[in-house]
């Protein structure tokens, strides 16, 4: 099961809420997506002027397994032990074109980058471990947070 949601609007709402509260791959998808989330994470993407691409902060209750900032090209990670019900891949990217998130037999997800943030959720039930490979096109920069949790976000 894969869940995807745009983080741009939800991160703006989260920042506004915090301010008011005073708190400073080419393989076809093999699983059916769930409904998009309306409660995305706060993103840490910096301004385009600096050129940095930073990872997102996951939703409360998620356990962070790995974060990467200012990446390009292809990176394979894992294996990671599947200790919770879901894996969450928060991906932030700059540039245009497609970025692929591949979790092997669990599923794949293509993202049309165009300076968009996304949340992808993969069901881990019945899996003992998993890997994640992110493939970007030349000229794209990306950042990723990999986390696990027990709730649909």
Protein backbone atom coordinates (compact mmCIF):
# COMPACT_ATOMS: atom_id res chain seq x y z
CA UNK A 1 0.00 0.00 0.00
CA UNK A 2 1.43 3.41 -0.96
CA UNK A 3 0.27 6.80 0.28
CA UNK A 4 1.33 10.05 -1.32
CA UNK A 5 0.56 13.62 -0.34
CA UNK A 6 1.90 17.02 -1.31
CA UNK A 7 3.65 18.66 1.59
CA UNK A 8 3.76 22.26 0.38
CA UNK A 9 0.28 23.25 1.56
CA UNK A 10 0.31 21.17 4.71
CA UNK A 11 3.70 22.46 5.83
CA UNK A 12 2.47 26.05 5.46
CA UNK A 13 -0.57 25.22 7.60
CA UNK A 14 1.67 23.55 10.19
CA UNK A 15 4.00 26.57 10.36
CA UNK A 16 0.98 28.88 10.76
CA UNK A 17 -0.46 26.68 13.51
CA UNK A 18 2.88 26.62 15.37
CA UNK A 19 3.19 30.40 15.09
CA UNK A 20 -0.30 30.90 16.53
CA UNK A 21 0.36 28.46 19.38
CA UNK A 22 3.57 30.26 20.37
CA UNK A 23 5.91 27.39 19.31
CA UNK A 24 8.81 28.81 17.90
CA UNK A 25 12.06 3.32 -10.81
CA UNK A 26 10.56 2.44 -14.03
CA UNK A 27 8.95 -0.72 -12.61
CA UNK A 28 5.16 -0.35 -12.54
CA UNK A 29 3.60 0.15 -9.16
CA UNK A 30 2.53 -3.23 -7.79
CA UNK A 31 0.31 -1.99 -5.00
CA UNK A 32 -2.79 0.16 -4.78
CA UNK A 33 -2.37 3.66 -3.31
CA UNK A 34 -4.42 4.78 -0.32
CA UNK A 35 -6.15 8.12 0.01
CA UNK A 36 -3.83 11.14 0.27
CA UNK A 37 -3.04 12.47 3.70
CA UNK A 38 -4.05 15.96 4.75
CA UNK A 39 -1.67 15.99 7.72
CA UNK A 40 1.79 16.00 6.14
CA UNK A 41 5.08 16.63 7.89
CA UNK A 42 6.84 19.92 8.37
CA UNK A 43 9.45 20.25 5.63
CA UNK A 44 12.94 21.57 6.14
CA UNK A 45 13.56 22.58 2.54
CA UNK A 46 15.63 25.73 2.40
CA UNK A 47 15.18 28.58 -0.05
CA UNK A 48 16.08 28.17 -3.71
CA UNK A 49 18.69 30.92 -3.28
CA UNK A 50 20.94 28.68 -1.16
CA UNK A 51 20.46 25.65 -3.42
CA UNK A 52 20.24 23.29 -0.45
CA UNK A 53 17.66 20.53 -0.27
CA UNK A 54 17.00 19.36 3.28
CA UNK A 55 14.99 16.44 4.66
CA UNK A 56 11.47 16.70 6.11
CA UNK A 57 10.52 16.24 9.74
CA UNK A 58 8.23 13.21 10.03
CA UNK A 59 4.81 13.12 11.64
CA UNK A 60 4.62 12.60 15.43
CA UNK A 61 4.91 8.93 16.44
CA UNK A 62 7.19 7.98 13.56
CA UNK A 63 10.62 6.51 14.22
CA UNK A 64 13.31 7.97 11.96
CA UNK A 65 15.56 5.33 10.38
CA UNK A 66 17.66 7.53 8.06
CA UNK A 67 17.91 11.08 6.74
CA UNK A 68 19.83 12.38 3.73
CA UNK A 69 20.30 15.98 2.56
CA UNK A 70 21.59 17.51 -0.70
CA UNK A 71 21.75 14.25 -2.67
CA UNK A 72 21.88 13.58 -6.40
CA UNK A 73 21.93 10.47 -8.59
CA UNK A 74 21.03 7.04 -7.24
CA UNK A 75 21.44 5.82 -3.67
CA UNK A 76 20.50 2.37 -2.34
CA UNK A 77 19.92 1.99 1.41
CA UNK A 78 19.27 -0.95 3.70
CA UNK A 79 18.30 -3.50 4.52
CA UNK A 80 16.29 -2.06 7.38
CA UNK A 81 14.37 -4.31 9.81
CA UNK A 82 10.60 -4.01 9.41
CA UNK A 83 9.56 -3.44 13.04
CA UNK A 84 6.39 -1.39 12.50
CA UNK A 85 3.32 -1.55 10.18
CA UNK A 86 4.36 1.17 7.69
CA UNK A 87 7.48 2.71 6.19
CA UNK A 88 7.24 6.41 5.36
CA UNK A 89 9.47 7.97 2.68
CA UNK A 90 9.45 11.76 2.83
CA UNK A 91 11.10 13.04 -0.35
CA UNK A 92 12.01 16.65 -1.11
CA UNK A 93 13.43 17.52 -4.53
CA UNK A 94 14.59 20.42 -6.67
CA UNK A 95 14.76 20.32 -10.45
CA UNK A 96 12.42 18.95 -13.05
CA UNK A 97 11.77 15.41 -14.17
CA UNK A 98 11.06 12.13 -12.48
CA UNK A 99 12.55 10.63 -9.31
CA UNK A 100 11.87 6.97 -8.54
CA UNK A 101 11.46 5.46 -5.07
CA UNK A 102 11.91 1.67 -5.21
CA UNK A 103 11.27 -0.57 -2.20
CA UNK A 104 11.72 -3.85 -4.06
CA UNK A 105 8.83 -6.28 -3.64
CA UNK A 106 6.98 -3.81 -1.39
CA UNK A 107 6.36 -1.30 -4.17
CA UNK A 108 7.67 1.52 -6.29
CA UNK A 109 6.67 5.12 -6.67
CA UNK A 110 7.58 7.63 -9.40
CA UNK A 111 7.58 11.29 -8.35
CA UNK A 112 7.36 14.15 -10.84
CA UNK A 113 9.83 16.38 -9.04
CA UNK A 114 9.35 19.97 -10.25
CA UNK A 115 10.36 21.32 -6.82
CA UNK A 116 7.71 19.33 -4.92
CA UNK A 117 7.75 17.56 -1.56
CA UNK A 118 5.95 14.25 -1.05
CA UNK A 119 5.13 11.58 1.50
CA UNK A 120 5.01 7.95 0.37
CA UNK A 121 3.71 5.29 2.72
CA UNK A 122 4.45 1.58 2.22
CA UNK A 123 2.83 -1.27 4.15
CA UNK A 124 5.39 -3.55 5.83
CA UNK A 125 3.04 -6.23 7.20
CA UNK A 126 4.58 -9.67 6.62
CA UNK A 127 8.02 -8.27 5.76
CA UNK A 128 11.09 -8.93 7.87
CA UNK A 129 13.21 -6.22 6.25
CA UNK A 130 13.22 -3.78 3.35
CA UNK A 131 15.53 -1.69 1.18
CA UNK A 132 15.03 1.71 -0.41
CA UNK A 133 16.60 2.93 -3.65
CA UNK A 134 16.10 6.48 -4.85
CA UNK A 135 16.99 7.30 -8.45
CA UNK A 136 17.16 10.90 -9.68
CA UNK A 137 17.89 12.33 -13.11
CA UNK A 138 20.98 14.47 -13.79
CA UNK A 139 20.56 18.00 -12.44
CA UNK A 140 18.12 17.04 -9.69
CA UNK A 141 18.90 17.42 -5.99
CA UNK A 142 16.91 15.62 -3.34
CA UNK A 143 16.63 14.93 0.37
CA UNK A 144 14.89 12.07 2.13
CA UNK A 145 13.63 11.01 5.54
CA UNK A 146 12.93 7.32 6.01
CA UNK A 147 10.76 6.51 9.01
CA UNK A 148 8.49 3.75 10.37
CA UNK A 149 5.19 3.95 12.19
CA UNK A 150 1.98 2.11 12.97
CA UNK A 151 -0.59 4.62 11.68
CA UNK A 152 -1.74 5.80 8.29
CA UNK A 153 -0.49 9.39 8.01
